[in-house]
Amino acid sequence: MRDPSLVLIRPVISEKSYAGMANQRYVFRVATYANKLEIQAAVESAFKVKTVAVNVMTVKGKTRTRMRRGGRTVGRSRDWKKAVVTLQAGETIANLFEGV
């Protein structure tokens, strides 16, 4: 098992993720090599909670166009992986957004 700090990169902060917290759903940006079992084990060991489900998706990077001296160049940001973790009823992660 990998260290939880290598699997869980940071929480995703958005209106949709805040709305999911009412239903014990937390959203994390995770390492691209991590699978569902590693993510589940990392959340359970890092926050001392029990998980019910883990949903994982790959978010495609955005295409960026920049004007340079030699003309226009097209670049792309990296793809990243997002995990939505559902906790058991009554479980919460209290200290998730401290220092963010």
PDB file of N, CA and C in Angstrom:
ATOM      1  N   MET A   1       0.841  -1.183   0.000  1.00  0.00           N
ATOM      2  CA  MET A   1       0.000   0.000   0.000  1.00  0.00           C
ATOM      3  C   MET A   1       0.885   1.244   0.000  1.00  0.00           C
ATOM      4  N   ARG A   2       0.520   2.210  -0.790  1.00  0.00           N
ATOM      5  CA  ARG A   2       1.275   3.448  -0.877  1.00  0.00           C
ATOM      6  C   ARG A   2       0.888   4.397   0.249  1.00  0.00           C
ATOM      7  N   ASP A   3       1.772   5.346   0.481  1.00  0.00           N
ATOM      8  CA  ASP A   3       1.534   6.371   1.500  1.00  0.00           C
ATOM      9  C   ASP A   3       0.346   7.230   1.062  1.00  0.00           C
ATOM     10  N   PRO A   4      -0.602   7.539   1.965  1.00  0.00           N
ATOM     11  CA  PRO A   4      -1.770   8.339   1.586  1.00  0.00           C
ATOM     12  C   PRO A   4      -1.418   9.715   1.034  1.00  0.00           C
ATOM     13  N   SER A   5      -0.296  10.291   1.476  1.00  0.00           N
ATOM     14  CA  SER A   5       0.083  11.611   0.969  1.00  0.00           C
ATOM     15  C   SER A   5       0.545  11.556  -0.481  1.00  0.00           C
ATOM     16  N   LEU A   6       0.915  10.381  -0.982  1.00  0.00           N
ATOM     17  CA  LEU A   6       1.284  10.233  -2.389  1.00  0.00           C
ATOM     18  C   LEU A   6       0.061   9.999  -3.266  1.00  0.00           C
ATOM     19  N   VAL A   7      -0.985   9.419  -2.714  1.00  0.00           N
ATOM     20  CA  VAL A   7      -2.199   9.117  -3.479  1.00  0.00           C
ATOM     21  C   VAL A   7      -3.140  10.311  -3.505  1.00  0.00           C
ATOM     22  N   LEU A   8      -3.420  10.902  -2.346  1.00  0.00           N
ATOM     23  CA  LEU A   8      -4.322  12.054  -2.254  1.00  0.00           C
ATOM     24  C   LEU A   8      -3.505  13.329  -2.418  1.00  0.00           C
ATOM     25  N   ILE A   9      -3.759  14.074  -3.490  1.00  0.00           N
ATOM     26  CA  ILE A   9      -2.987  15.290  -3.747  1.00  0.00           C
ATOM     27  C   ILE A   9      -3.594  16.467  -3.001  1.00  0.00           C
ATOM     28  N   ARG A  10      -4.880  16.732  -3.224  1.00  0.00           N
ATOM     29  CA  ARG A  10      -5.552  17.833  -2.527  1.00  0.00           C
ATOM     30  C   ARG A  10      -7.047  17.693  -2.728  1.00  0.00           C
ATOM     31  N   PRO A  11      -7.853  18.329  -1.858  1.00  0.00           N
ATOM     32  CA  PRO A  11      -9.304  18.311  -2.074  1.00  0.00           C
ATOM     33  C   PRO A  11      -9.683  19.262  -3.200  1.00  0.00           C
ATOM     34  N   VAL A  12     -10.746  18.945  -3.901  1.00  0.00           N
ATOM     35  CA  VAL A  12     -11.270  19.811  -4.951  1.00  0.00           C
ATOM     36  C   VAL A  12     -12.286  20.746  -4.313  1.00  0.00           C
ATOM     37  N   ILE A  13     -12.079  22.043  -4.471  1.00  0.00           N
ATOM     38  CA  ILE A  13     -12.945  23.033  -3.845  1.00  0.00           C
ATOM     39  C   ILE A  13     -13.805  23.668  -4.930  1.00  0.00           C
ATOM     40  N   SER A  14     -15.090  23.385  -4.904  1.00  0.00           N
ATOM     41  CA  SER A  14     -16.042  23.968  -5.848  1.00  0.00           C
ATOM     42  C   SER A  14     -17.421  23.965  -5.201  1.00  0.00           C
ATOM     43  N   GLU A  15     -18.353  24.635  -5.838  1.00  0.00           N
ATOM     44  CA  GLU A  15     -19.717  24.666  -5.301  1.00  0.00           C
ATOM     45  C   GLU A  15     -20.333  23.273  -5.304  1.00  0.00           C
ATOM     46  N   LYS A  16     -20.049  22.515  -6.352  1.00  0.00           N
ATOM     47  CA  LYS A  16     -20.609  21.175  -6.450  1.00  0.00           C
ATOM     48  C   LYS A  16     -20.031  20.244  -5.378  1.00  0.00           C
ATOM     49  N   SER A  17     -18.744  20.380  -5.081  1.00  0.00           N
ATOM     50  CA  SER A  17     -18.153  19.531  -4.053  1.00  0.00           C
ATOM     51  C   SER A  17     -18.657  19.924  -2.662  1.00  0.00           C
ATOM     52  N   TYR A  18     -18.881  21.216  -2.420  1.00  0.00           N
ATOM     53  CA  TYR A  18     -19.455  21.644  -1.144  1.00  0.00           C
ATOM     54  C   TYR A  18     -20.880  21.109  -0.977  1.00  0.00           C
ATOM     55  N   ALA A  19     -21.661  21.080  -2.044  1.00  0.00           N
ATOM     56  CA  ALA A  19     -23.024  20.550  -1.968  1.00  0.00           C
ATOM     57  C   ALA A  19     -23.012  19.052  -1.689  1.00  0.00           C
ATOM     58  N   GLY A  20     -22.020  18.341  -2.182  1.00  0.00           N
ATOM     59  CA  GLY A  20     -21.922  16.907  -1.947  1.00  0.00           C
ATOM     60  C   GLY A  20     -21.564  16.541  -0.528  1.00  0.00           C
ATOM     61  N   MET A  21     -20.950  17.476   0.199  1.00  0.00           N
ATOM     62  CA  MET A  21     -20.564  17.182   1.588  1.00  0.00           C
ATOM     63  C   MET A  21     -21.765  16.932   2.485  1.00  0.00           C
ATOM     64  N   ALA A  22     -22.922  17.466   2.136  1.00  0.00           N
ATOM     65  CA  ALA A  22     -24.132  17.208   2.919  1.00  0.00           C
ATOM     66  C   ALA A  22     -24.532  15.734   2.840  1.00  0.00           C
ATOM     67  N   ASN A  23     -24.151  15.057   1.756  1.00  0.00           N
ATOM     68  CA  ASN A  23     -24.460  13.643   1.563  1.00  0.00           C
ATOM     69  C   ASN A  23     -23.238  12.752   1.808  1.00  0.00           C
ATOM     70  N   GLN A  24     -22.269  13.229   2.577  1.00  0.00           N
ATOM     71  CA  GLN A  24     -21.035  12.509   2.889  1.00  0.00           C
ATOM     72  C   GLN A  24     -20.223  12.162   1.637  1.00  0.00           C
ATOM     73  N   ARG A  25     -20.214  13.052   0.641  1.00  0.00           N
ATOM     74  CA  ARG A  25     -19.407  12.844  -0.556  1.00  0.00           C
ATOM     75  C   ARG A  25     -18.300  13.897  -0.577  1.00  0.00           C
ATOM     76  N   TYR A  26     -17.065  13.435  -0.690  1.00  0.00           N
ATOM     77  CA  TYR A  26     -15.909  14.317  -0.714  1.00  0.00           C
ATOM     78  C   TYR A  26     -15.134  14.098  -2.003  1.00  0.00           C
ATOM     79  N   VAL A  27     -14.633  15.174  -2.579  1.00  0.00           N
ATOM     80  CA  VAL A  27     -13.964  15.119  -3.875  1.00  0.00           C
ATOM     81  C   VAL A  27     -12.482  15.434  -3.672  1.00  0.00           C
ATOM     82  N   PHE A  28     -11.619  14.602  -4.246  1.00  0.00           N
ATOM     83  CA  PHE A  28     -10.178  14.766  -4.132  1.00  0.00           C
ATOM     84  C   PHE A  28      -9.527  14.712  -5.504  1.00  0.00           C
ATOM     85  N   ARG A  29      -8.436  15.463  -5.650  1.00  0.00           N
ATOM     86  CA  ARG A  29      -7.553  15.298  -6.798  1.00  0.00           C
ATOM     87  C   ARG A  29      -6.547  14.239  -6.372  1.00  0.00           C
ATOM     88  N   VAL A  30      -6.423  13.176  -7.167  1.00  0.00           N
ATOM     89  CA  VAL A  30      -5.581  12.046  -6.791  1.00  0.00           C
ATOM     90  C   VAL A  30      -4.513  11.820  -7.859  1.00  0.00           C
ATOM     91  N   ALA A  31      -3.547  10.995  -7.523  1.00  0.00           N
ATOM     92  CA  ALA A  31      -2.474  10.658  -8.457  1.00  0.00           C
ATOM     93  C   ALA A  31      -3.044   9.887  -9.641  1.00  0.00           C
ATOM     94  N   THR A  32      -2.462  10.089 -10.811  1.00  0.00           N
ATOM     95  CA  THR A  32      -2.999   9.458 -12.023  1.00  0.00           C
ATOM     96  C   THR A  32      -2.814   7.946 -12.024  1.00  0.00           C
ATOM     97  N   TYR A  33      -1.862   7.438 -11.266  1.00  0.00           N
ATOM     98  CA  TYR A  33      -1.621   5.993 -11.233  1.00  0.00           C
ATOM     99  C   TYR A  33      -2.487   5.274 -10.195  1.00  0.00           C
ATOM    100  N   ALA A  34      -3.213   6.008  -9.357  1.00  0.00           N
ATOM    101  CA  ALA A  34      -3.980   5.399  -8.264  1.00  0.00           C
ATOM    102  C   ALA A  34      -5.261   4.754  -8.776  1.00  0.00           C
ATOM    103  N   ASN A  35      -5.602   3.599  -8.193  1.00  0.00           N
ATOM    104  CA  ASN A  35      -6.865   2.948  -8.535  1.00  0.00           C
ATOM    105  C   ASN A  35      -7.838   3.102  -7.366  1.00  0.00           C
ATOM    106  N   LYS A  36      -9.035   2.542  -7.498  1.00  0.00           N
ATOM    107  CA  LYS A  36     -10.075   2.724  -6.485  1.00  0.00           C
ATOM    108  C   LYS A  36      -9.684   2.149  -5.133  1.00  0.00           C
ATOM    109  N   LEU A  37      -9.049   0.989  -5.123  1.00  0.00           N
ATOM    110  CA  LEU A  37      -8.676   0.370  -3.858  1.00  0.00           C
ATOM    111  C   LEU A  37      -7.616   1.182  -3.124  1.00  0.00           C
ATOM    112  N   GLU A  38      -6.648   1.724  -3.858  1.00  0.00           N
ATOM    113  CA  GLU A  38      -5.619   2.558  -3.232  1.00  0.00           C
ATOM    114  C   GLU A  38      -6.211   3.854  -2.689  1.00  0.00           C
ATOM    115  N   ILE A  39      -7.137   4.444  -3.425  1.00  0.00           N
ATOM    116  CA  ILE A  39      -7.783   5.685  -2.981  1.00  0.00           C
ATOM    117  C   ILE A  39      -8.608   5.417  -1.728  1.00  0.00           C
ATOM    118  N   GLN A  40      -9.358   4.325  -1.712  1.00  0.00           N
ATOM    119  CA  GLN A  40     -10.168   3.974  -0.551  1.00  0.00           C
ATOM    120  C   GLN A  40      -9.286   3.753   0.675  1.00  0.00           C
ATOM    121  N   ALA A  41      -8.200   3.035   0.524  1.00  0.00           N
ATOM    122  CA  ALA A  41      -7.301   2.772   1.650  1.00  0.00           C
ATOM    123  C   ALA A  41      -6.636   4.063   2.123  1.00  0.00           C
ATOM    124  N   ALA A  42      -6.302   4.966   1.209  1.00  0.00           N
ATOM    125  CA  ALA A  42      -5.654   6.223   1.579  1.00  0.00           C
ATOM    126  C   ALA A  42      -6.604   7.121   2.372  1.00  0.00           C
ATOM    127  N   VAL A  43      -7.870   7.204   1.945  1.00  0.00           N
ATOM    128  CA  VAL A  43      -8.846   8.036   2.659  1.00  0.00           C
ATOM    129  C   VAL A  43      -9.129   7.456   4.040  1.00  0.00           C
ATOM    130  N   GLU A  44      -9.292   6.142   4.122  1.00  0.00           N
ATOM    131  CA  GLU A  44      -9.589   5.518   5.406  1.00  0.00           C
ATOM    132  C   GLU A  44      -8.443   5.661   6.397  1.00  0.00           C
ATOM    133  N   SER A  45      -7.208   5.560   5.929  1.00  0.00           N
ATOM    134  CA  SER A  45      -6.080   5.667   6.854  1.00  0.00           C
ATOM    135  C   SER A  45      -5.741   7.115   7.185  1.00  0.00           C
ATOM    136  N   ALA A  46      -5.935   8.040   6.254  1.00  0.00           N
ATOM    137  CA  ALA A  46      -5.579   9.436   6.497  1.00  0.00           C
ATOM    138  C   ALA A  46      -6.581  10.135   7.399  1.00  0.00           C
ATOM    139  N   PHE A  47      -7.878   9.836   7.238  1.00  0.00           N
ATOM    140  CA  PHE A  47      -8.913  10.556   7.975  1.00  0.00           C
ATOM    141  C   PHE A  47      -9.631   9.704   9.004  1.00  0.00           C
ATOM    142  N   LYS A  48      -9.292   8.417   9.131  1.00  0.00           N
ATOM    143  CA  LYS A  48      -9.899   7.511  10.118  1.00  0.00           C
ATOM    144  C   LYS A  48     -11.414   7.441   9.970  1.00  0.00           C
ATOM    145  N   VAL A  49     -11.873   7.196   8.735  1.00  0.00           N
ATOM    146  CA  VAL A  49     -13.296   7.064   8.437  1.00  0.00           C
ATOM    147  C   VAL A  49     -13.506   5.777   7.640  1.00  0.00           C
ATOM    148  N   LYS A  50     -14.762   5.377   7.481  1.00  0.00           N
ATOM    149  CA  LYS A  50     -15.121   4.216   6.672  1.00  0.00           C
ATOM    150  C   LYS A  50     -15.791   4.689   5.398  1.00  0.00           C
ATOM    151  N   THR A  51     -15.390   4.133   4.260  1.00  0.00           N
ATOM    152  CA  THR A  51     -15.940   4.536   2.971  1.00  0.00           C
ATOM    153  C   THR A  51     -16.921   3.491   2.466  1.00  0.00           C
ATOM    154  N   VAL A  52     -17.896   3.958   1.687  1.00  0.00           N
ATOM    155  CA  VAL A  52     -18.881   3.080   1.073  1.00  0.00           C
ATOM    156  C   VAL A  52     -18.550   2.863  -0.397  1.00  0.00           C
ATOM    157  N   ALA A  53     -18.214   3.956  -1.103  1.00  0.00           N
ATOM    158  CA  ALA A  53     -17.963   3.868  -2.533  1.00  0.00           C
ATOM    159  C   ALA A  53     -16.903   4.874  -2.943  1.00  0.00           C
ATOM    160  N   VAL A  54     -16.199   4.549  -4.029  1.00  0.00           N
ATOM    161  CA  VAL A  54     -15.220   5.446  -4.632  1.00  0.00           C
ATOM    162  C   VAL A  54     -15.492   5.481  -6.128  1.00  0.00           C
ATOM    163  N   ASN A  55     -15.740   6.672  -6.656  1.00  0.00           N
ATOM    164  CA  ASN A  55     -15.920   6.859  -8.092  1.00  0.00           C
ATOM    165  C   ASN A  55     -14.738   7.673  -8.607  1.00  0.00           C
ATOM    166  N   VAL A  56     -14.159   7.231  -9.721  1.00  0.00           N
ATOM    167  CA  VAL A  56     -12.948   7.853 -10.244  1.00  0.00           C
ATOM    168  C   VAL A  56     -13.192   8.276 -11.684  1.00  0.00           C
ATOM    169  N   MET A  57     -12.682   9.460 -12.038  1.00  0.00           N
ATOM    170  CA  MET A  57     -12.783   9.922 -13.419  1.00  0.00           C
ATOM    171  C   MET A  57     -11.511  10.658 -13.809  1.00  0.00           C
ATOM    172  N   THR A  58     -11.174  10.628 -15.092  1.00  0.00           N
ATOM    173  CA  THR A  58     -10.033  11.358 -15.614  1.00  0.00           C
ATOM    174  C   THR A  58     -10.540  12.644 -16.240  1.00  0.00           C
ATOM    175  N   VAL A  59      -9.998  13.768 -15.790  1.00  0.00           N
ATOM    176  CA  VAL A  59     -10.377  15.077 -16.311  1.00  0.00           C
ATOM    177  C   VAL A  59      -9.353  15.470 -17.358  1.00  0.00           C
ATOM    178  N   LYS A  60      -9.807  15.745 -18.560  1.00  0.00           N
ATOM    179  CA  LYS A  60      -8.910  16.093 -19.656  1.00  0.00           C
ATOM    180  C   LYS A  60      -8.399  17.516 -19.480  1.00  0.00           C
ATOM    181  N   GLY A  61      -7.134  17.733 -19.823  1.00  0.00           N
ATOM    182  CA  GLY A  61      -6.531  19.051 -19.713  1.00  0.00           C
ATOM    183  C   GLY A  61      -7.063  19.997 -20.772  1.00  0.00           C
ATOM    184  N   LYS A  62      -7.035  21.304 -20.463  1.00  0.00           N
ATOM    185  CA  LYS A  62      -7.543  22.303 -21.387  1.00  0.00           C
ATOM    186  C   LYS A  62      -6.500  22.651 -22.446  1.00  0.00           C
ATOM    187  N   THR A  63      -6.969  23.001 -23.625  1.00  0.00           N
ATOM    188  CA  THR A  63      -6.096  23.464 -24.690  1.00  0.00           C
ATOM    189  C   THR A  63      -5.930  24.973 -24.559  1.00  0.00           C
ATOM    190  N   ARG A  64      -4.694  25.430 -24.613  1.00  0.00           N
ATOM    191  CA  ARG A  64      -4.394  26.853 -24.471  1.00  0.00           C
ATOM    192  C   ARG A  64      -3.699  27.348 -25.732  1.00  0.00           C
ATOM    193  N   THR A  65      -4.098  28.522 -26.199  1.00  0.00           N
ATOM    194  CA  THR A  65      -3.458  29.146 -27.348  1.00  0.00           C
ATOM    195  C   THR A  65      -2.762  30.411 -26.878  1.00  0.00           C
ATOM    196  N   ARG A  66      -1.484  30.547 -27.239  1.00  0.00           N
ATOM    197  CA  ARG A  66      -0.726  31.730 -26.846  1.00  0.00           C
ATOM    198  C   ARG A  66      -0.106  32.368 -28.083  1.00  0.00           C
ATOM    199  N   MET A  67      -0.064  33.680 -28.044  1.00  0.00           N
ATOM    200  CA  MET A  67       0.614  34.410 -29.112  1.00  0.00           C
ATOM    201  C   MET A  67       2.064  34.611 -28.690  1.00  0.00           C
ATOM    202  N   ARG A  68       2.957  34.183 -29.520  1.00  0.00           N
ATOM    203  CA  ARG A  68       4.379  34.331 -29.258  1.00  0.00           C
ATOM    204  C   ARG A  68       4.994  35.183 -30.359  1.00  0.00           C
ATOM    205  N   ARG A  69       6.233  35.431 -30.182  1.00  0.00           N
ATOM    206  CA  ARG A  69       6.945  36.268 -31.153  1.00  0.00           C
ATOM    207  C   ARG A  69       6.957  35.625 -32.545  1.00  0.00           C
ATOM    208  N   GLY A  70       7.096  34.330 -32.587  1.00  0.00           N
ATOM    209  CA  GLY A  70       7.142  33.627 -33.860  1.00  0.00           C
ATOM    210  C   GLY A  70       5.779  33.247 -34.397  1.00  0.00           C
ATOM    211  N   GLY A  71       4.718  33.605 -33.736  1.00  0.00           N
ATOM    212  CA  GLY A  71       3.372  33.255 -34.178  1.00  0.00           C
ATOM    213  C   GLY A  71       2.576  32.636 -33.053  1.00  0.00           C
ATOM    214  N   ARG A  72       1.534  31.940 -33.415  1.00  0.00           N
ATOM    215  CA  ARG A  72       0.645  31.347 -32.427  1.00  0.00           C
ATOM    216  C   ARG A  72       1.115  29.934 -32.098  1.00  0.00           C
ATOM    217  N   THR A  73       1.114  29.593 -30.807  1.00  0.00           N
ATOM    218  CA  THR A  73       1.459  28.248 -30.384  1.00  0.00           C
ATOM    219  C   THR A  73       0.290  27.676 -29.589  1.00  0.00           C
ATOM    220  N   VAL A  74       0.115  26.400 -29.712  1.00  0.00           N
ATOM    221  CA  VAL A  74      -0.966  25.720 -29.007  1.00  0.00           C
ATOM    222  C   VAL A  74      -0.338  24.790 -27.982  1.00  0.00           C
ATOM    223  N   GLY A  75      -0.776  24.924 -26.734  1.00  0.00           N
ATOM    224  CA  GLY A  75      -0.301  24.070 -25.664  1.00  0.00           C
ATOM    225  C   GLY A  75      -1.472  23.408 -24.978  1.00  0.00           C
ATOM    226  N   ARG A  76      -1.165  22.537 -24.060  1.00  0.00           N
ATOM    227  CA  ARG A  76      -2.224  21.804 -23.381  1.00  0.00           C
ATOM    228  C   ARG A  76      -1.802  21.551 -21.945  1.00  0.00           C
ATOM    229  N   SER A  77      -2.738  21.736 -21.010  1.00  0.00           N
ATOM    230  CA  SER A  77      -2.445  21.414 -19.616  1.00  0.00           C
ATOM    231  C   SER A  77      -2.597  19.904 -19.418  1.00  0.00           C
ATOM    232  N   ARG A  78      -2.071  19.413 -18.327  1.00  0.00           N
ATOM    233  CA  ARG A  78      -2.058  17.978 -18.084  1.00  0.00           C
ATOM    234  C   ARG A  78      -3.442  17.430 -17.749  1.00  0.00           C
ATOM    235  N   ASP A  79      -3.649  16.165 -18.081  1.00  0.00           N
ATOM    236  CA  ASP A  79      -4.825  15.445 -17.615  1.00  0.00           C
ATOM    237  C   ASP A  79      -4.628  15.128 -16.133  1.00  0.00           C
ATOM    238  N   TRP A  80      -5.735  15.058 -15.378  1.00  0.00           N
ATOM    239  CA  TRP A  80      -5.633  14.720 -13.968  1.00  0.00           C
ATOM    240  C   TRP A  80      -6.804  13.841 -13.570  1.00  0.00           C
ATOM    241  N   LYS A  81      -6.670  13.208 -12.435  1.00  0.00           N
ATOM    242  CA  LYS A  81      -7.671  12.245 -11.988  1.00  0.00           C
ATOM    243  C   LYS A  81      -8.405  12.791 -10.766  1.00  0.00           C
ATOM    244  N   LYS A  82      -9.727  12.628 -10.779  1.00  0.00           N
ATOM    245  CA  LYS A  82     -10.589  13.101  -9.701  1.00  0.00           C
ATOM    246  C   LYS A  82     -11.308  11.907  -9.103  1.00  0.00           C
ATOM    247  N   ALA A  83     -11.416  11.896  -7.770  1.00  0.00           N
ATOM    248  CA  ALA A  83     -12.102  10.810  -7.069  1.00  0.00           C
ATOM    249  C   ALA A  83     -13.193  11.389  -6.185  1.00  0.00           C
ATOM    250  N   VAL A  84     -14.395  10.804  -6.278  1.00  0.00           N
ATOM    251  CA  VAL A  84     -15.507  11.165  -5.407  1.00  0.00           C
ATOM    252  C   VAL A  84     -15.675  10.015  -4.422  1.00  0.00           C
ATOM    253  N   VAL A  85     -15.446  10.316  -3.148  1.00  0.00           N
ATOM    254  CA  VAL A  85     -15.469   9.295  -2.097  1.00  0.00           C
ATOM    255  C   VAL A  85     -16.728   9.487  -1.268  1.00  0.00           C
ATOM    256  N   THR A  86     -17.533   8.423  -1.150  1.00  0.00           N
ATOM    257  CA  THR A  86     -18.746   8.450  -0.339  1.00  0.00           C
ATOM    258  C   THR A  86     -18.456   7.746   0.977  1.00  0.00           C
ATOM    259  N   LEU A  87     -18.748   8.431   2.085  1.00  0.00           N
ATOM    260  CA  LEU A  87     -18.507   7.877   3.415  1.00  0.00           C
ATOM    261  C   LEU A  87     -19.779   7.229   3.957  1.00  0.00           C
ATOM    262  N   GLN A  88     -19.616   6.417   4.995  1.00  0.00           N
ATOM    263  CA  GLN A  88     -20.767   5.805   5.650  1.00  0.00           C
ATOM    264  C   GLN A  88     -21.607   6.879   6.324  1.00  0.00           C
ATOM    265  N   ALA A  89     -22.865   6.568   6.570  1.00  0.00           N
ATOM    266  CA  ALA A  89     -23.762   7.523   7.223  1.00  0.00           C
ATOM    267  C   ALA A  89     -23.235   7.865   8.606  1.00  0.00           C
ATOM    268  N   GLY A  90     -23.215   9.155   8.905  1.00  0.00           N
ATOM    269  CA  GLY A  90     -22.734   9.620  10.196  1.00  0.00           C
ATOM    270  C   GLY A  90     -21.257   9.963  10.235  1.00  0.00           C
ATOM    271  N   GLU A  91     -20.498   9.603   9.202  1.00  0.00           N
ATOM    272  CA  GLU A  91     -19.059   9.889   9.153  1.00  0.00           C
ATOM    273  C   GLU A  91     -18.841  11.215   8.437  1.00  0.00           C
ATOM    274  N   THR A  92     -17.904  12.025   8.921  1.00  0.00           N
ATOM    275  CA  THR A  92     -17.518  13.254   8.259  1.00  0.00           C
ATOM    276  C   THR A  92     -16.015  13.423   8.359  1.00  0.00           C
ATOM    277  N   ILE A  93     -15.490  14.263   7.484  1.00  0.00           N
ATOM    278  CA  ILE A  93     -14.076  14.650   7.539  1.00  0.00           C
ATOM    279  C   ILE A  93     -14.077  16.103   8.010  1.00  0.00           C
ATOM    280  N   ALA A  94     -13.788  16.302   9.280  1.00  0.00           N
ATOM    281  CA  ALA A  94     -13.933  17.627   9.893  1.00  0.00           C
ATOM    282  C   ALA A  94     -12.800  18.562   9.506  1.00  0.00           C
ATOM    283  N   ASN A  95     -11.576  18.092   9.476  1.00  0.00           N
ATOM    284  CA  ASN A  95     -10.433  18.964   9.269  1.00  0.00           C
ATOM    285  C   ASN A  95      -9.968  19.002   7.817  1.00  0.00           C
ATOM    286  N   LEU A  96     -10.868  18.794   6.867  1.00  0.00           N
ATOM    287  CA  LEU A  96     -10.466  18.695   5.468  1.00  0.00           C
ATOM    288  C   LEU A  96      -9.991  20.022   4.906  1.00  0.00           C
ATOM    289  N   PHE A  97     -10.675  21.115   5.218  1.00  0.00           N
ATOM    290  CA  PHE A  97     -10.356  22.375   4.574  1.00  0.00           C
ATOM    291  C   PHE A  97      -9.581  23.342   5.465  1.00  0.00           C
ATOM    292  N   GLU A  98      -8.977  22.855   6.524  1.00  0.00           N
ATOM    293  CA  GLU A  98      -8.142  23.705   7.337  1.00  0.00           C
ATOM    294  C   GLU A  98      -6.833  23.981   6.617  1.00  0.00           C
ATOM    295  N   GLY A  99      -6.507  25.242   6.435  1.00  0.00           N
ATOM    296  CA  GLY A  99      -5.259  25.628   5.787  1.00  0.00           C
ATOM    297  C   GLY A  99      -5.298  25.593   4.275  1.00  0.00           C
ATOM    298  N   VAL A 100      -6.489  25.437   3.671  1.00  0.00           N
ATOM    299  CA  VAL A 100      -6.586  25.407   2.211  1.00  0.00           C
ATOM    300  C   VAL A 100      -6.868  26.806   1.715  1.00  0.00           C
TER     301      VAL A 100
END
